[in-house]
Amino acid sequence: MRTTTLGTVLASLAITAGTMTVLAAAPAQAATPAQVTLSLSSKSQVVAPYKAFVGFFSGGVSYTLPDTTTGAVTAGDAVLERRLPGKTWQAVKTDAGADSLDYGTYGSHANGNTQYRVHYLGGTDGTTTWDPAYSDVVTVITLWKLNERGACSHGCRFFGHLSPSAKHHTVTIQVKHGTWKRYKVVKTDARSRWSASVVATFGKGTLYRAVAARSKNEVATSSGIFRFYKVRTFRSLERSAAARR
């Protein structure tokens, strides 16, 4: 009876030891690090007026082995993430072909001071496994559109409207006397319009420009420069005019 019990125990130990040997012979495969590139019109920062075309995203996910062999990652999702001012990162578009990124027309126009990055979620093709990774950040800096104009009829006026719409937003009118100096400060109305009376002068005239103050989504932006000038048409008649410089 004892002999049978001892034989059973030895057989059990032999099976356990054999199992341990088999498990140790198949270590887990190490994942390969991935590198993600992202650009917008081949740039990492773009400055453009509101709604202006800024280009298309490009880039991809690749890897480099210790022996310096490189290649494109062929499996796993690459998620485009967006961060608006004061907000957290949010997934907005997914590309299942990580080797060459394509998000269509998404993000191709300036629409607020926005940051973008790509989060590669990791993946495997059955032979190679790639780690998750993030790209560098691409930034779109958005300028106001002031839609500026100048006109003179019974006095001269410098005016326009802001895009995007902004009610009661500050617009500073500047005049150039050697350097740019503040002439007056106005506010946009309920329809985003701004306007200021300006003075025209003889000779080369006087230069004016408007500067829209920064907001959460747009940086401070200067308008084009306008020249307001007077000309004598007859001995007793004067006429004022405005012209973009």
Protein backbone atom coordinates (compact mmCIF):
# COMPACT_ATOMS: atom_id res chain seq x y z
CA MET A 1 0.00 0.00 0.00
CA ARG A 2 2.82 2.41 0.91
CA THR A 3 4.63 1.51 -2.29
CA THR A 4 1.60 2.41 -4.37
CA THR A 5 1.13 5.75 -2.60
CA LEU A 6 4.80 6.70 -3.03
CA GLY A 7 4.69 5.78 -6.70
CA THR A 8 1.63 7.97 -7.17
CA VAL A 9 3.36 10.93 -5.49
CA LEU A 10 6.52 10.54 -7.61
CA ALA A 11 4.47 10.30 -10.78
CA SER A 12 2.58 13.47 -9.80
CA LEU A 13 5.84 15.36 -9.21
CA ALA A 14 7.18 14.20 -12.53
CA ILE A 15 4.10 15.49 -14.35
CA THR A 16 4.32 18.85 -12.51
CA ALA A 17 8.01 19.25 -13.28
CA GLY A 18 7.40 18.43 -16.93
CA THR A 19 4.64 21.00 -17.14
CA MET A 20 6.88 23.65 -15.59
CA THR A 21 9.58 22.87 -18.13
CA VAL A 22 7.16 23.26 -21.04
CA LEU A 23 5.82 26.64 -19.76
CA ALA A 24 9.33 28.01 -19.25
CA ALA A 25 10.26 27.13 -22.81
CA ALA A 26 7.67 29.59 -24.30
CA PRO A 27 8.33 33.12 -22.90
CA ALA A 28 5.96 35.96 -23.84
CA GLN A 29 7.00 37.87 -26.93
CA ALA A 30 8.22 41.41 -26.22
CA ALA A 31 6.26 44.18 -27.94
CA THR A 32 8.01 46.38 -30.47
CA PRO A 33 7.99 50.14 -29.75
CA ALA A 34 6.08 52.26 -32.27
CA GLN A 35 6.83 55.82 -33.44
CA VAL A 36 3.99 58.09 -34.61
CA THR A 37 4.50 61.11 -36.86
CA LEU A 38 1.86 63.79 -37.53
CA SER A 39 1.97 67.07 -39.43
CA LEU A 40 -0.42 69.52 -41.07
CA SER A 41 0.83 70.65 -44.47
CA SER A 42 4.27 69.37 -43.35
CA LYS A 43 4.22 71.72 -40.33
CA SER A 44 3.76 71.30 -36.59
CA GLN A 45 2.21 74.78 -36.20
CA VAL A 46 -0.04 76.64 -38.61
CA VAL A 47 -1.34 80.23 -38.32
CA ALA A 48 -4.38 81.11 -40.43
CA PRO A 49 -7.48 83.35 -40.45
CA TYR A 50 -10.73 81.87 -39.23
CA LYS A 51 -12.10 79.20 -41.60
CA ALA A 52 -9.08 79.47 -43.90
CA PHE A 53 -7.73 76.27 -45.45
CA VAL A 54 -4.67 74.99 -43.59
CA GLY A 55 -3.99 71.69 -45.37
CA PHE A 56 -4.40 67.99 -44.62
CA PHE A 57 -2.96 65.79 -41.89
CA SER A 58 -0.20 63.40 -42.88
CA GLY A 59 2.07 60.97 -41.12
CA GLY A 60 2.13 57.34 -40.08
CA VAL A 61 3.14 54.75 -37.52
CA SER A 62 6.48 52.99 -37.91
CA TYR A 63 8.97 50.97 -35.87
CA THR A 64 12.75 50.57 -35.56
CA LEU A 65 14.30 47.30 -34.40
CA PRO A 66 17.52 47.11 -32.33
CA ASP A 67 19.41 46.15 -35.50
CA THR A 68 18.18 49.48 -37.06
CA THR A 69 15.73 47.69 -39.34
CA THR A 70 12.72 49.94 -39.93
CA GLY A 71 9.23 49.31 -41.23
CA ALA A 72 5.63 50.46 -41.23
CA VAL A 73 3.19 49.27 -38.60
CA THR A 74 0.49 47.28 -40.39
CA ALA A 75 -2.09 46.66 -37.64
CA GLY A 76 -3.96 48.69 -35.02
CA ASP A 77 -6.04 51.87 -34.97
CA ALA A 78 -4.57 55.39 -35.04
CA VAL A 79 -6.98 57.79 -33.31
CA LEU A 80 -6.83 61.53 -34.05
CA GLU A 81 -7.38 63.50 -30.84
CA ARG A 82 -8.29 67.19 -30.50
CA ARG A 83 -7.91 69.59 -27.58
CA LEU A 84 -9.73 72.92 -27.54
CA PRO A 85 -8.61 75.75 -25.22
CA GLY A 86 -9.38 74.85 -21.62
CA LYS A 87 -10.61 71.36 -22.56
CA THR A 88 -9.22 67.83 -22.34
CA TRP A 89 -8.15 65.62 -25.23
CA GLN A 90 -11.07 64.15 -27.18
CA ALA A 91 -11.03 61.41 -29.84
CA VAL A 92 -12.48 62.80 -33.09
CA LYS A 93 -11.44 60.50 -35.96
CA THR A 94 -10.03 56.98 -36.36
CA ASP A 95 -7.81 55.58 -39.10
CA ALA A 96 -7.53 51.78 -39.23
CA GLY A 97 -4.56 51.98 -41.62
CA ALA A 98 -1.86 53.13 -39.22
CA ASP A 99 1.01 52.87 -41.71
CA SER A 100 -0.19 56.01 -43.58
CA LEU A 101 -2.55 58.36 -41.75
CA ASP A 102 -5.61 59.69 -43.54
CA TYR A 103 -8.35 61.69 -41.81
CA GLY A 104 -9.91 63.14 -44.93
CA THR A 105 -10.83 66.82 -44.71
CA TYR A 106 -11.17 66.79 -40.92
CA GLY A 107 -9.21 69.67 -39.35
CA SER A 108 -8.35 71.17 -42.74
CA HIS A 109 -9.66 74.65 -41.83
CA ALA A 110 -8.73 76.98 -38.97
CA ASN A 111 -11.47 76.83 -36.40
CA GLY A 112 -10.14 78.05 -33.07
CA ASN A 113 -6.78 77.65 -31.37
CA THR A 114 -6.76 73.87 -31.51
CA GLN A 115 -4.21 71.17 -30.75
CA TYR A 116 -4.12 67.77 -32.44
CA ARG A 117 -2.24 64.55 -31.80
CA VAL A 118 -2.52 60.89 -32.82
CA HIS A 119 -2.86 58.08 -30.29
CA TYR A 120 -1.82 54.75 -31.77
CA LEU A 121 -3.63 52.11 -29.73
CA GLY A 122 -1.17 49.29 -30.39
CA GLY A 123 -1.77 46.13 -32.38
CA THR A 124 -0.45 42.87 -33.78
CA ASP A 125 -0.28 41.23 -37.19
CA GLY A 126 0.00 37.77 -35.60
CA THR A 127 3.78 37.80 -35.79
CA THR A 128 4.79 41.19 -34.40
CA THR A 129 3.12 43.12 -31.59
CA TRP A 130 3.46 46.92 -31.40
CA ASP A 131 3.18 49.07 -28.30
CA PRO A 132 0.72 52.00 -28.03
CA ALA A 133 2.28 55.41 -28.71
CA TYR A 134 1.48 59.13 -29.14
CA SER A 135 2.60 61.57 -31.82
CA ASP A 136 3.92 65.07 -31.17
CA VAL A 137 1.29 67.83 -30.95
CA VAL A 138 0.24 69.86 -34.01
CA THR A 139 -1.21 73.33 -33.29
CA VAL A 140 -3.55 75.45 -35.39
CA ILE A 141 -3.48 79.12 -34.33
CA THR A 142 -6.54 81.00 -35.52
CA LEU A 143 -6.66 84.70 -36.43
CA TRP A 144 -9.75 86.89 -36.52
CA LYS A 145 -11.10 88.02 -39.86
CA LEU A 146 -11.81 91.75 -39.48
CA ASN A 147 -13.33 92.21 -42.97
CA GLU A 148 -12.09 95.82 -42.90
CA ARG A 149 -13.17 98.63 -45.22
CA GLY A 150 -12.76 102.38 -45.44
CA ALA A 151 -15.09 105.04 -46.84
CA CYS A 152 -15.32 108.83 -46.88
CA SER A 153 -18.60 110.65 -47.37
CA HIS A 154 -19.37 113.60 -45.11
CA GLY A 155 -16.48 112.40 -42.99
CA CYS A 156 -14.34 109.26 -43.05
CA ARG A 157 -15.15 105.93 -41.47
CA PHE A 158 -13.07 102.82 -40.85
CA PHE A 159 -15.30 99.78 -40.33
CA GLY A 160 -15.82 96.04 -40.72
CA HIS A 161 -17.13 92.98 -38.92
CA LEU A 162 -15.50 90.15 -37.01
CA SER A 163 -15.54 86.52 -38.04
CA PRO A 164 -16.36 84.43 -36.10
CA SER A 165 -19.19 86.52 -34.71
CA ALA A 166 -18.43 88.21 -31.41
CA LYS A 167 -20.79 90.58 -29.62
CA HIS A 168 -19.31 93.44 -27.56
CA HIS A 169 -15.76 92.43 -28.46
CA THR A 170 -12.95 94.99 -28.16
CA VAL A 171 -11.41 96.43 -31.32
CA THR A 172 -8.63 99.01 -30.96
CA ILE A 173 -8.19 101.56 -33.77
CA GLN A 174 -4.56 102.56 -34.17
CA VAL A 175 -3.06 105.52 -36.04
CA LYS A 176 0.51 105.73 -37.28
CA HIS A 177 2.51 108.75 -36.17
CA GLY A 178 6.04 107.42 -36.42
CA THR A 179 4.93 104.27 -34.57
CA TRP A 180 1.47 102.81 -34.12
CA LYS A 181 -0.48 104.56 -31.36
CA ARG A 182 -3.93 103.98 -29.93
CA TYR A 183 -6.48 106.25 -31.57
CA LYS A 184 -9.69 104.95 -30.01
CA VAL A 185 -11.29 101.77 -28.68
CA VAL A 186 -14.64 100.51 -29.98
CA LYS A 187 -16.85 97.49 -29.35
CA THR A 188 -18.60 95.26 -31.82
CA ASP A 189 -22.39 95.43 -31.87
CA ALA A 190 -24.87 92.55 -31.67
CA ARG A 191 -24.11 91.70 -35.31
CA SER A 192 -20.33 91.64 -34.76
CA ARG A 193 -19.81 94.96 -36.61
CA TRP A 194 -17.19 97.51 -35.61
CA SER A 195 -16.82 101.11 -36.81
CA ALA A 196 -14.86 104.26 -36.02
CA SER A 197 -14.74 107.80 -37.41
CA VAL A 198 -11.23 108.75 -38.50
CA VAL A 199 -9.53 111.92 -39.76
CA ALA A 200 -8.11 112.25 -43.25
CA THR A 201 -5.18 114.59 -43.96
CA PHE A 202 -3.55 116.21 -47.00
CA GLY A 203 -0.37 114.97 -48.61
CA LYS A 204 0.32 111.31 -48.00
CA GLY A 205 -2.69 111.04 -45.71
CA THR A 206 -2.88 109.20 -42.39
CA LEU A 207 -2.57 105.48 -41.83
CA TYR A 208 -4.99 103.50 -39.66
CA ARG A 209 -5.43 99.88 -38.71
CA ALA A 210 -7.72 97.92 -36.38
CA VAL A 211 -6.64 95.32 -33.84
CA ALA A 212 -9.16 92.76 -32.56
CA ALA A 213 -8.40 91.67 -29.00
CA ARG A 214 -7.66 88.02 -28.30
CA SER A 215 -10.36 85.60 -27.23
CA LYS A 216 -10.30 82.03 -25.99
CA ASN A 217 -10.32 80.71 -29.55
CA GLU A 218 -8.56 83.46 -31.54
CA VAL A 219 -5.34 85.38 -31.04
CA ALA A 220 -5.10 89.18 -31.23
CA THR A 221 -5.21 90.12 -34.90
CA SER A 222 -4.37 93.27 -36.89
CA SER A 223 -6.34 94.36 -39.93
CA GLY A 224 -4.88 95.58 -43.17
CA ILE A 225 -3.65 99.18 -43.23
CA PHE A 226 -5.81 101.92 -44.72
CA ARG A 227 -4.70 105.37 -45.83
CA PHE A 228 -7.20 108.21 -45.40
CA TYR A 229 -6.26 111.34 -47.34
CA LYS A 230 -7.60 114.62 -48.67
CA VAL A 231 -7.19 116.07 -52.15
CA ARG A 232 -8.06 119.52 -53.52
CA THR A 233 -10.22 119.30 -56.62
CA PHE A 234 -10.99 123.05 -56.91
CA ARG A 235 -9.71 126.11 -55.15
CA SER A 236 -12.56 126.02 -52.65
CA LEU A 237 -13.49 122.28 -52.73
CA GLU A 238 -11.85 119.43 -50.86
CA ARG A 239 -12.46 115.69 -51.14
CA SER A 240 -11.48 112.90 -48.77
CA ALA A 241 -10.72 109.34 -49.77
CA ALA A 242 -9.66 106.02 -48.27
CA ALA A 243 -7.35 103.46 -49.82
CA ARG A 244 -5.82 100.21 -48.65
CA ARG A 245 -2.09 100.62 -48.35
